[in-house]
Protein backbone atom coordinates (compact mmCIF):
# COMPACT_ATOMS: atom_id res chain seq x y z
CA MET A 1 13.45 -5.03 -15.07
CA THR A 2 15.12 -7.23 -12.54
CA ILE A 3 13.81 -7.75 -8.96
CA GLN A 4 16.63 -5.40 -7.62
CA GLU A 5 15.62 -2.59 -10.02
CA ALA A 6 11.95 -3.07 -9.19
CA ALA A 7 12.81 -2.89 -5.59
CA ARG A 8 14.96 0.26 -5.92
CA ARG A 9 12.25 2.06 -8.05
CA SER A 10 9.27 0.79 -5.73
CA GLY A 11 11.03 1.53 -2.48
CA LEU A 12 10.34 -2.07 -1.36
CA SER A 13 12.90 -4.45 -0.62
CA ALA A 14 13.57 -7.47 -2.91
CA ASP A 15 12.48 -9.79 0.03
CA THR A 16 9.17 -7.97 0.36
CA LEU A 17 8.61 -8.20 -3.31
CA ARG A 18 9.24 -12.11 -3.23
CA TYR A 19 6.79 -12.19 -0.02
CA TYR A 20 4.26 -10.22 -1.96
CA GLU A 21 4.44 -12.77 -4.86
CA ARG A 22 4.42 -15.82 -2.43
CA ILE A 23 1.00 -14.48 -0.85
CA GLY A 24 -0.62 -13.57 -3.92
CA LEU A 25 -0.44 -9.81 -3.64
CA ILE A 26 1.33 -9.51 -6.87
CA HIS A 27 0.81 -11.98 -9.79
CA ALA A 28 3.48 -14.46 -10.61
CA VAL A 29 6.06 -12.26 -12.28
CA GLY A 30 7.34 -13.21 -15.67
CA ARG A 31 10.78 -14.65 -15.99
CA ASN A 32 13.63 -13.93 -18.26
CA GLY A 33 15.63 -16.35 -20.40
CA SER A 34 17.86 -17.11 -17.22
CA GLY A 35 14.83 -17.57 -15.13
CA HIS A 36 15.06 -14.39 -13.10
CA ARG A 37 12.13 -12.27 -12.27
CA ASP A 38 11.38 -9.82 -15.09
CA TYR A 39 9.09 -6.95 -13.81
CA ALA A 40 7.23 -4.55 -16.07
CA GLU A 41 6.38 -0.97 -15.74
CA HIS A 42 2.70 -1.81 -14.98
CA ASP A 43 4.02 -3.92 -11.99
CA LEU A 44 5.59 -0.75 -10.61
CA GLY A 45 2.01 0.93 -10.60
CA TRP A 46 0.48 -1.95 -8.78
CA LEU A 47 3.32 -1.81 -6.29
CA ASP A 48 2.76 1.84 -5.65
CA PHE A 49 -0.90 1.27 -5.04
CA LEU A 50 -0.21 -1.60 -2.64
CA THR A 51 2.39 0.81 -0.76
CA LYS A 52 -0.32 3.42 -0.43
CA LEU A 53 -2.92 0.76 0.96
CA ARG A 54 -0.32 -0.49 3.47
CA SER A 55 0.88 3.06 4.53
CA THR A 56 -2.86 3.89 5.12
CA GLY A 57 -3.14 0.98 7.47
CA MET A 58 -4.82 -1.60 5.22
CA SER A 59 -4.19 -5.22 6.48
CA ILE A 60 -2.26 -7.57 4.42
CA ALA A 61 -5.20 -9.90 4.46
CA ASP A 62 -7.54 -7.21 3.09
CA MET A 63 -4.84 -6.19 0.54
CA CYS A 64 -4.86 -9.92 -0.57
CA ARG A 65 -8.58 -10.08 -0.90
CA TYR A 66 -8.41 -6.94 -2.97
CA ALA A 67 -5.92 -8.37 -5.31
CA GLU A 68 -7.95 -11.63 -5.47
CA LEU A 69 -10.96 -9.79 -6.46
CA LEU A 70 -9.06 -7.61 -9.22
CA ARG A 71 -7.82 -10.86 -10.80
CA ALA A 72 -11.31 -12.20 -10.76
CA GLY A 73 -12.32 -9.47 -13.22
CA ALA A 74 -14.58 -6.54 -13.78
CA HIS A 75 -17.52 -8.03 -12.26
CA THR A 76 -15.96 -7.60 -8.87
CA ALA A 77 -15.52 -3.74 -9.35
CA GLY A 78 -18.43 -3.01 -6.97
CA GLU A 79 -16.97 -5.07 -4.19
CA ARG A 80 -13.49 -3.59 -4.71
CA ARG A 81 -15.08 -0.16 -4.58
CA LEU A 82 -16.89 -0.94 -1.26
CA MET A 83 -13.62 -2.04 0.16
CA LEU A 84 -11.96 1.09 -0.79
CA GLU A 85 -14.79 3.04 0.49
CA ARG A 86 -14.69 1.32 3.87
CA HIS A 87 -10.98 1.86 4.20
CA ARG A 88 -11.24 5.44 3.25
CA GLU A 89 -13.52 6.02 6.26
CA LYS A 90 -11.03 4.41 8.56
CA VAL A 91 -8.27 6.58 7.15
CA ALA A 92 -10.42 9.77 7.33
CA ALA A 93 -11.24 8.86 10.82
CA ARG A 94 -7.53 8.57 11.59
CA ILE A 95 -6.61 11.75 10.04
CA ALA A 96 -9.37 13.52 12.33
CA GLU A 97 -7.72 11.99 15.26
CA LEU A 98 -4.26 12.98 14.21
CA THR A 99 -5.62 16.49 13.63
CA GLN A 100 -6.97 16.53 17.24
CA ASP A 101 -3.56 15.28 18.59
CA LEU A 102 -1.70 17.77 16.49
CA SER A 103 -3.83 20.67 17.98
CA ALA A 104 -3.04 19.43 21.37
CA LEU A 105 0.64 19.45 20.64
CA ASP A 106 0.26 22.97 19.13
CA TYR A 107 -1.54 24.32 22.16
CA LYS A 108 1.13 22.77 24.43
CA ILE A 109 3.94 24.14 22.24
CA LYS A 110 2.34 27.44 22.37
CA SER A 111 2.06 27.50 26.15
CA TYR A 112 5.83 26.53 26.45
CA ARG A 113 6.77 29.41 24.11
CA GLU A 114 4.78 31.78 26.20
CA THR A 115 6.57 30.77 29.52
CA THR A 116 10.12 30.39 28.43
């Protein structure tokens, strides 16, 4: 699929896809007969995972390291798992903070509803 189609389906911009390729987050995408990028379905799965990592606050540097380890092969699975476990701990801590913040908002909203 073209870069425009991959962008539309992934929710990322074509510029972001080019950037991700340039910094090594995605492999060098194949080219079609006219030299344009030709994304495959499996590329969309990887882009979806990258989007989830980014939306949960993983740094681009850590994402690049994860991609590098993945390309290095199965012997890096343990290190990749540890990276994801550490990131998961950060995400869980952030969720706990947000849950407390939400409770504070709910309390304040309830107090306003009772007085107005």
